[in-house]
Amino acid sequence: MHERAGQDGRKADLVETITSAATHTVLGAEHAGLRVVRGRREFDFMVQVQTDPHRMPIENAAVKWPERLSPYATVARLRLPPQTFDSPEQLAFADVLRYNPWHCMPEHKPLGNSNRARRAMYLELAELRQQMNGVPHRELTGKEAFTS
């Protein structure tokens, strides 16, 4: 399955896309939000390049960028194999992680005033969640593997 921008230019959120897929099973309430994914999923990550700063402002998220000035370009494809996300090992690992859009190379950092406002909120909420759960923060190494 490939997900991309719809005819109106809006992107599908990754979680919404998985949730709406007909081949998933929602687990019990104690694991709200976790999914069992059957079959491989593919998601295209697409961008628009700003070609006209007046018609495509970064500081005004209410302005829709015209596709005729900058068509969406696929820059990456995420391929997810069939998997489950609810082993005790995976759940414990997820508790110590923090995720936000600023875990990236400097040239890929989120732009615009709404993203600057989000940054402080993301950092504070991640710290609060880990403090309330009594777990330390841990960064990914890329070598994580789960047996179950």
N, C-alpha and C. Protein backbone atom coordinates (compact mmCIF):
# COMPACT_ATOMS: atom_id res chain seq x y z
N MET A 1 0.84 -1.16 0.00
CA MET A 1 0.00 0.00 0.00
C MET A 1 0.90 1.23 0.00
N HIS A 2 0.65 2.16 -0.86
CA HIS A 2 1.39 3.41 -0.90
C HIS A 2 0.46 4.52 -0.45
N GLU A 3 0.94 5.37 0.47
CA GLU A 3 0.16 6.52 0.91
C GLU A 3 0.85 7.77 0.39
N ARG A 4 0.08 8.69 -0.14
CA ARG A 4 0.65 9.94 -0.61
C ARG A 4 -0.39 11.02 -0.44
N ALA A 5 -0.07 12.20 -0.84
CA ALA A 5 -1.00 13.31 -0.71
C ALA A 5 -2.25 13.03 -1.53
N GLY A 6 -3.38 13.40 -0.98
CA GLY A 6 -4.64 13.25 -1.71
C GLY A 6 -4.79 14.33 -2.77
N GLN A 7 -5.90 14.32 -3.47
CA GLN A 7 -6.14 15.30 -4.52
C GLN A 7 -6.12 16.73 -3.99
N ASP A 8 -6.54 16.91 -2.73
CA ASP A 8 -6.57 18.25 -2.16
C ASP A 8 -5.22 18.65 -1.56
N GLY A 9 -4.20 17.80 -1.70
CA GLY A 9 -2.86 18.14 -1.24
C GLY A 9 -2.58 17.81 0.21
N ARG A 10 -3.58 17.35 0.97
CA ARG A 10 -3.35 17.03 2.37
C ARG A 10 -2.68 15.68 2.51
N LYS A 11 -1.80 15.57 3.50
CA LYS A 11 -1.10 14.33 3.75
C LYS A 11 -1.86 13.50 4.78
N ALA A 12 -1.79 12.20 4.65
CA ALA A 12 -2.38 11.30 5.64
C ALA A 12 -1.37 11.09 6.76
N ASP A 13 -1.81 11.21 7.99
CA ASP A 13 -0.95 10.96 9.13
C ASP A 13 -0.66 9.46 9.19
N LEU A 14 0.56 9.10 9.55
CA LEU A 14 0.98 7.70 9.58
C LEU A 14 0.07 6.85 10.46
N VAL A 15 -0.23 7.33 11.66
CA VAL A 15 -1.08 6.56 12.56
C VAL A 15 -2.49 6.45 12.02
N GLU A 16 -3.03 7.53 11.48
CA GLU A 16 -4.37 7.48 10.90
C GLU A 16 -4.41 6.49 9.74
N THR A 17 -3.37 6.46 8.96
CA THR A 17 -3.33 5.55 7.82
C THR A 17 -3.34 4.10 8.29
N ILE A 18 -2.52 3.78 9.28
CA ILE A 18 -2.50 2.42 9.79
C ILE A 18 -3.84 2.08 10.44
N THR A 19 -4.39 3.03 11.19
CA THR A 19 -5.66 2.79 11.86
C THR A 19 -6.78 2.52 10.86
N SER A 20 -6.75 3.21 9.73
CA SER A 20 -7.83 3.05 8.77
C SER A 20 -7.64 1.84 7.86
N ALA A 21 -6.47 1.21 7.92
CA ALA A 21 -6.22 0.05 7.07
C ALA A 21 -7.15 -1.09 7.47
N ALA A 22 -7.66 -1.79 6.49
CA ALA A 22 -8.63 -2.86 6.75
C ALA A 22 -7.99 -4.10 7.34
N THR A 23 -6.67 -4.20 7.33
CA THR A 23 -6.02 -5.45 7.74
C THR A 23 -5.37 -5.37 9.11
N HIS A 24 -5.79 -4.43 9.96
CA HIS A 24 -5.19 -4.37 11.29
C HIS A 24 -6.18 -4.84 12.34
N THR A 25 -5.66 -5.19 13.49
CA THR A 25 -6.48 -5.58 14.62
C THR A 25 -6.11 -4.68 15.79
N VAL A 26 -7.10 -4.09 16.43
CA VAL A 26 -6.84 -3.26 17.60
C VAL A 26 -6.77 -4.18 18.81
N LEU A 27 -5.74 -4.00 19.62
CA LEU A 27 -5.56 -4.84 20.80
C LEU A 27 -6.48 -4.35 21.91
N GLY A 28 -6.45 -5.02 23.07
CA GLY A 28 -7.30 -4.67 24.20
C GLY A 28 -7.04 -3.27 24.73
N ALA A 29 -7.95 -2.79 25.59
CA ALA A 29 -7.89 -1.43 26.11
C ALA A 29 -6.60 -1.16 26.87
N GLU A 30 -6.01 -2.19 27.48
CA GLU A 30 -4.77 -1.97 28.22
C GLU A 30 -3.61 -1.60 27.30
N HIS A 31 -3.77 -1.82 26.00
CA HIS A 31 -2.76 -1.46 25.02
C HIS A 31 -3.36 -0.51 23.99
N ALA A 32 -4.13 0.45 24.46
CA ALA A 32 -4.81 1.37 23.53
C ALA A 32 -3.80 1.99 22.58
N GLY A 33 -4.13 2.01 21.32
CA GLY A 33 -3.28 2.62 20.32
C GLY A 33 -2.28 1.68 19.68
N LEU A 34 -2.07 0.50 20.23
CA LEU A 34 -1.13 -0.44 19.63
C LEU A 34 -1.83 -1.23 18.54
N ARG A 35 -1.08 -1.63 17.55
CA ARG A 35 -1.67 -2.31 16.41
C ARG A 35 -0.89 -3.58 16.09
N VAL A 36 -1.59 -4.55 15.55
CA VAL A 36 -0.96 -5.70 14.93
C VAL A 36 -1.07 -5.45 13.44
N VAL A 37 0.05 -5.37 12.76
CA VAL A 37 0.04 -5.08 11.33
C VAL A 37 0.24 -6.38 10.58
N ARG A 38 -0.73 -6.72 9.74
CA ARG A 38 -0.64 -7.93 8.92
C ARG A 38 -0.36 -7.48 7.49
N GLY A 39 0.68 -8.00 6.94
CA GLY A 39 1.06 -7.58 5.60
C GLY A 39 1.97 -6.37 5.69
N ARG A 40 2.80 -6.22 4.69
CA ARG A 40 3.75 -5.10 4.65
C ARG A 40 3.02 -3.80 4.36
N ARG A 41 3.49 -2.70 4.94
CA ARG A 41 2.95 -1.37 4.68
C ARG A 41 4.07 -0.51 4.12
N GLU A 42 3.73 0.36 3.19
CA GLU A 42 4.70 1.30 2.63
C GLU A 42 4.10 2.69 2.68
N PHE A 43 4.93 3.65 3.07
CA PHE A 43 4.51 5.04 3.15
C PHE A 43 5.52 5.91 2.43
N ASP A 44 5.05 6.73 1.52
CA ASP A 44 5.92 7.67 0.83
C ASP A 44 5.97 8.96 1.64
N PHE A 45 7.18 9.48 1.85
CA PHE A 45 7.36 10.77 2.49
C PHE A 45 7.58 11.78 1.38
N MET A 46 6.73 12.79 1.35
CA MET A 46 6.76 13.74 0.24
C MET A 46 6.96 15.15 0.77
N VAL A 47 7.60 15.98 -0.04
CA VAL A 47 7.84 17.37 0.33
C VAL A 47 7.46 18.27 -0.84
N GLN A 48 7.25 19.54 -0.50
CA GLN A 48 7.13 20.59 -1.50
C GLN A 48 8.27 21.55 -1.25
N VAL A 49 8.96 21.95 -2.29
CA VAL A 49 10.05 22.91 -2.19
C VAL A 49 9.47 24.30 -2.38
N GLN A 50 9.84 25.22 -1.49
CA GLN A 50 9.35 26.59 -1.61
C GLN A 50 10.00 27.25 -2.83
N THR A 51 9.18 27.59 -3.82
CA THR A 51 9.70 28.22 -5.03
C THR A 51 9.32 29.69 -5.13
N ASP A 52 8.36 30.14 -4.33
CA ASP A 52 7.92 31.54 -4.33
C ASP A 52 7.61 31.94 -2.89
N PRO A 53 8.52 32.65 -2.21
CA PRO A 53 8.32 32.96 -0.80
C PRO A 53 7.09 33.83 -0.52
N HIS A 54 6.60 34.55 -1.52
CA HIS A 54 5.40 35.38 -1.31
C HIS A 54 4.13 34.54 -1.38
N ARG A 55 4.07 33.61 -2.29
CA ARG A 55 2.89 32.76 -2.43
C ARG A 55 2.99 31.48 -1.61
N MET A 56 4.18 31.22 -1.08
CA MET A 56 4.41 30.00 -0.30
C MET A 56 5.13 30.36 1.00
N PRO A 57 4.46 31.12 1.89
CA PRO A 57 5.13 31.57 3.12
C PRO A 57 5.33 30.43 4.12
N ILE A 58 6.48 30.44 4.76
CA ILE A 58 6.77 29.43 5.79
C ILE A 58 6.10 29.81 7.11
N GLU A 59 5.96 31.09 7.38
CA GLU A 59 5.42 31.54 8.66
C GLU A 59 3.90 31.56 8.73
N ASN A 60 3.19 31.17 7.67
CA ASN A 60 1.73 31.16 7.70
C ASN A 60 1.24 29.79 7.24
N ALA A 61 0.95 28.93 8.20
CA ALA A 61 0.53 27.56 7.90
C ALA A 61 -0.86 27.49 7.28
N ALA A 62 -1.60 28.58 7.29
CA ALA A 62 -2.95 28.59 6.71
C ALA A 62 -2.93 28.72 5.19
N VAL A 63 -1.78 29.08 4.62
CA VAL A 63 -1.68 29.25 3.17
C VAL A 63 -1.31 27.91 2.53
N LYS A 64 -2.18 27.44 1.65
CA LYS A 64 -1.93 26.19 0.92
C LYS A 64 -0.97 26.49 -0.23
N TRP A 65 0.11 25.74 -0.29
CA TRP A 65 1.09 25.94 -1.35
C TRP A 65 0.57 25.31 -2.64
N PRO A 66 0.51 26.09 -3.73
CA PRO A 66 -0.01 25.55 -5.00
C PRO A 66 0.91 24.46 -5.56
N GLU A 67 0.30 23.33 -5.91
CA GLU A 67 1.09 22.22 -6.47
C GLU A 67 1.66 22.58 -7.84
N ARG A 68 1.04 23.49 -8.55
CA ARG A 68 1.57 23.86 -9.87
C ARG A 68 2.89 24.63 -9.72
N LEU A 69 3.10 25.30 -8.58
CA LEU A 69 4.37 25.99 -8.34
C LEU A 69 5.43 25.05 -7.77
N SER A 70 4.98 24.02 -7.08
CA SER A 70 5.90 23.08 -6.48
C SER A 70 5.18 21.75 -6.26
N PRO A 71 5.27 20.84 -7.23
CA PRO A 71 4.62 19.54 -7.06
C PRO A 71 5.27 18.75 -5.93
N TYR A 72 4.50 17.88 -5.31
CA TYR A 72 5.04 17.02 -4.26
C TYR A 72 6.10 16.10 -4.85
N ALA A 73 7.20 15.96 -4.12
CA ALA A 73 8.30 15.07 -4.54
C ALA A 73 8.52 14.03 -3.45
N THR A 74 8.57 12.77 -3.84
CA THR A 74 8.85 11.70 -2.89
C THR A 74 10.34 11.73 -2.56
N VAL A 75 10.65 11.84 -1.27
CA VAL A 75 12.05 11.88 -0.84
C VAL A 75 12.47 10.62 -0.09
N ALA A 76 11.49 9.83 0.32
CA ALA A 76 11.82 8.58 1.03
C ALA A 76 10.61 7.67 1.02
N ARG A 77 10.86 6.41 1.23
CA ARG A 77 9.79 5.42 1.37
C ARG A 77 10.08 4.59 2.62
N LEU A 78 9.12 4.54 3.50
CA LEU A 78 9.23 3.75 4.72
C LEU A 78 8.51 2.43 4.48
N ARG A 79 9.24 1.32 4.66
CA ARG A 79 8.65 -0.01 4.48
C ARG A 79 8.60 -0.69 5.85
N LEU A 80 7.40 -1.07 6.26
CA LEU A 80 7.21 -1.73 7.54
C LEU A 80 6.82 -3.19 7.30
N PRO A 81 7.60 -4.13 7.81
CA PRO A 81 7.24 -5.54 7.66
C PRO A 81 6.10 -5.88 8.62
N PRO A 82 5.43 -7.02 8.41
CA PRO A 82 4.40 -7.44 9.38
C PRO A 82 5.04 -7.56 10.76
N GLN A 83 4.34 -7.07 11.78
CA GLN A 83 4.91 -7.10 13.12
C GLN A 83 3.86 -6.82 14.17
N THR A 84 4.20 -7.14 15.40
CA THR A 84 3.36 -6.76 16.54
C THR A 84 4.15 -5.76 17.36
N PHE A 85 3.43 -4.97 18.14
CA PHE A 85 4.08 -3.89 18.89
C PHE A 85 3.81 -4.00 20.38
N ASP A 86 3.49 -5.18 20.88
CA ASP A 86 3.04 -5.25 22.26
C ASP A 86 3.81 -6.23 23.15
N SER A 87 5.01 -6.62 22.77
CA SER A 87 5.77 -7.51 23.66
C SER A 87 6.19 -6.69 24.89
N PRO A 88 6.34 -7.33 26.04
CA PRO A 88 6.77 -6.60 27.24
C PRO A 88 8.09 -5.86 27.01
N GLU A 89 8.99 -6.48 26.25
CA GLU A 89 10.29 -5.87 25.94
C GLU A 89 10.11 -4.58 25.13
N GLN A 90 9.23 -4.62 24.14
CA GLN A 90 8.99 -3.43 23.31
C GLN A 90 8.29 -2.33 24.09
N LEU A 91 7.32 -2.70 24.92
CA LEU A 91 6.60 -1.70 25.71
C LEU A 91 7.54 -1.00 26.70
N ALA A 92 8.42 -1.76 27.35
CA ALA A 92 9.39 -1.16 28.27
C ALA A 92 10.36 -0.25 27.52
N PHE A 93 10.77 -0.66 26.34
CA PHE A 93 11.68 0.15 25.53
C PHE A 93 11.01 1.46 25.11
N ALA A 94 9.74 1.39 24.72
CA ALA A 94 9.02 2.59 24.28
C ALA A 94 8.90 3.61 25.40
N ASP A 95 8.82 3.16 26.65
CA ASP A 95 8.68 4.08 27.77
C ASP A 95 9.87 5.01 27.93
N VAL A 96 11.06 4.58 27.53
CA VAL A 96 12.26 5.39 27.76
C VAL A 96 12.63 6.27 26.57
N LEU A 97 11.88 6.16 25.48
CA LEU A 97 12.19 6.95 24.28
C LEU A 97 11.46 8.28 24.28
N ARG A 98 12.03 9.23 23.59
CA ARG A 98 11.38 10.51 23.30
C ARG A 98 11.43 10.69 21.79
N TYR A 99 10.32 11.05 21.22
CA TYR A 99 10.28 11.28 19.78
C TYR A 99 9.73 12.67 19.53
N ASN A 100 10.38 13.38 18.64
CA ASN A 100 9.83 14.64 18.16
C ASN A 100 10.47 14.96 16.82
N PRO A 101 9.87 15.87 16.06
CA PRO A 101 10.38 16.18 14.72
C PRO A 101 11.78 16.80 14.71
N TRP A 102 12.30 17.17 15.86
CA TRP A 102 13.63 17.78 15.90
C TRP A 102 14.73 16.74 16.07
N HIS A 103 14.39 15.47 16.09
CA HIS A 103 15.41 14.41 16.03
C HIS A 103 15.78 14.24 14.57
N CYS A 104 16.56 15.16 14.09
CA CYS A 104 16.91 15.17 12.66
C CYS A 104 18.21 15.94 12.46
N MET A 105 18.66 15.94 11.23
CA MET A 105 19.83 16.75 10.89
C MET A 105 19.41 18.22 10.91
N PRO A 106 20.30 19.13 11.23
CA PRO A 106 19.94 20.55 11.32
C PRO A 106 19.25 21.10 10.07
N GLU A 107 19.67 20.65 8.90
CA GLU A 107 19.05 21.17 7.67
C GLU A 107 17.63 20.66 7.46
N HIS A 108 17.19 19.70 8.26
CA HIS A 108 15.83 19.16 8.14
C HIS A 108 14.91 19.60 9.28
N LYS A 109 15.37 20.53 10.12
CA LYS A 109 14.56 20.92 11.27
C LYS A 109 13.24 21.54 10.82
N PRO A 110 12.19 21.36 11.61
CA PRO A 110 10.89 21.94 11.28
C PRO A 110 10.97 23.47 11.23
N LEU A 111 10.26 24.05 10.28
CA LEU A 111 10.28 25.49 10.07
C LEU A 111 8.94 26.12 10.46
N GLY A 112 8.95 27.41 10.68
CA GLY A 112 7.73 28.17 10.91
C GLY A 112 7.41 28.37 12.38
N ASN A 113 6.57 29.39 12.64
CA ASN A 113 6.25 29.75 14.01
C ASN A 113 5.45 28.68 14.74
N SER A 114 4.58 27.97 14.06
CA SER A 114 3.81 26.92 14.75
C SER A 114 4.74 25.78 15.18
N ASN A 115 5.74 25.47 14.39
CA ASN A 115 6.70 24.43 14.78
C ASN A 115 7.59 24.88 15.93
N ARG A 116 7.95 26.15 15.96
CA ARG A 116 8.74 26.64 17.09
C ARG A 116 7.94 26.53 18.38
N ALA A 117 6.65 26.80 18.32
CA ALA A 117 5.80 26.66 19.51
C ALA A 117 5.66 25.20 19.92
N ARG A 118 5.55 24.31 18.97
CA ARG A 118 5.42 22.88 19.26
C ARG A 118 6.66 22.31 19.93
N ARG A 119 7.82 22.85 19.60
CA ARG A 119 9.07 22.27 20.10
C ARG A 119 9.11 22.25 21.63
N ALA A 120 8.82 23.38 22.24
CA ALA A 120 8.86 23.45 23.70
C ALA A 120 7.84 22.49 24.32
N MET A 121 6.66 22.41 23.73
CA MET A 121 5.62 21.53 24.25
C MET A 121 6.05 20.06 24.15
N TYR A 122 6.60 19.65 23.01
CA TYR A 122 7.05 18.27 22.83
C TYR A 122 8.09 17.89 23.87
N LEU A 123 9.06 18.77 24.09
CA LEU A 123 10.13 18.47 25.03
C LEU A 123 9.60 18.35 26.46
N GLU A 124 8.73 19.30 26.86
CA GLU A 124 8.17 19.28 28.21
C GLU A 124 7.29 18.05 28.45
N LEU A 125 6.46 17.71 27.47
CA LEU A 125 5.57 16.56 27.64
C LEU A 125 6.35 15.25 27.70
N ALA A 126 7.39 15.11 26.91
CA ALA A 126 8.21 13.89 26.94
C ALA A 126 8.89 13.75 28.30
N GLU A 127 9.42 14.86 28.81
CA GLU A 127 10.07 14.82 30.12
C GLU A 127 9.07 14.48 31.22
N LEU A 128 7.89 15.09 31.17
CA LEU A 128 6.85 14.81 32.17
C LEU A 128 6.41 13.35 32.11
N ARG A 129 6.20 12.82 30.91
CA ARG A 129 5.76 11.42 30.76
C ARG A 129 6.79 10.47 31.38
N GLN A 130 8.06 10.70 31.09
CA GLN A 130 9.09 9.81 31.63
C GLN A 130 9.24 9.98 33.14
N GLN A 131 9.08 11.19 33.62
CA GLN A 131 9.14 11.43 35.06
C GLN A 131 7.98 10.72 35.77
N MET A 132 6.78 10.83 35.22
CA MET A 132 5.60 10.18 35.82
C MET A 132 5.70 8.66 35.74
N ASN A 133 6.33 8.14 34.69
CA ASN A 133 6.51 6.69 34.55
C ASN A 133 7.71 6.17 35.33
N GLY A 134 8.53 7.09 35.86
CA GLY A 134 9.70 6.68 36.63
C GLY A 134 10.76 5.99 35.80
N VAL A 135 10.94 6.43 34.56
CA VAL A 135 11.93 5.81 33.68
C VAL A 135 12.91 6.86 33.18
N PRO A 136 14.16 6.46 32.93
CA PRO A 136 15.14 7.41 32.39
C PRO A 136 14.95 7.60 30.89
N HIS A 137 15.49 8.68 30.38
CA HIS A 137 15.49 8.91 28.93
C HIS A 137 16.60 8.08 28.30
N ARG A 138 16.33 7.56 27.11
CA ARG A 138 17.33 6.77 26.38
C ARG A 138 17.21 7.10 24.89
N GLU A 139 18.32 7.25 24.23
CA GLU A 139 18.33 7.50 22.79
C GLU A 139 18.48 6.18 22.04
N LEU A 140 17.91 6.12 20.85
CA LEU A 140 18.06 4.95 19.99
C LEU A 140 19.51 4.79 19.56
N THR A 141 19.93 3.55 19.39
CA THR A 141 21.26 3.28 18.86
C THR A 141 21.19 2.75 17.43
N GLY A 142 20.02 2.24 17.04
CA GLY A 142 19.87 1.62 15.73
C GLY A 142 20.17 0.14 15.76
N LYS A 143 20.59 -0.36 16.90
CA LYS A 143 20.92 -1.79 17.03
C LYS A 143 19.88 -2.54 17.86
N GLU A 144 18.77 -1.88 18.16
CA GLU A 144 17.74 -2.52 18.97
C GLU A 144 17.11 -3.68 18.20
N ALA A 145 16.89 -4.78 18.90
CA ALA A 145 16.24 -5.95 18.30
C ALA A 145 15.36 -6.58 19.36
N PHE A 146 14.22 -7.07 18.93
CA PHE A 146 13.26 -7.67 19.85
C PHE A 146 12.97 -9.09 19.40
N THR A 147 12.96 -10.01 20.35
CA THR A 147 12.79 -11.42 20.01
C THR A 147 11.34 -11.83 19.90
N SER A 148 10.45 -11.11 20.57
CA SER A 148 9.04 -11.53 20.54
C SER A 148 8.22 -10.69 19.59
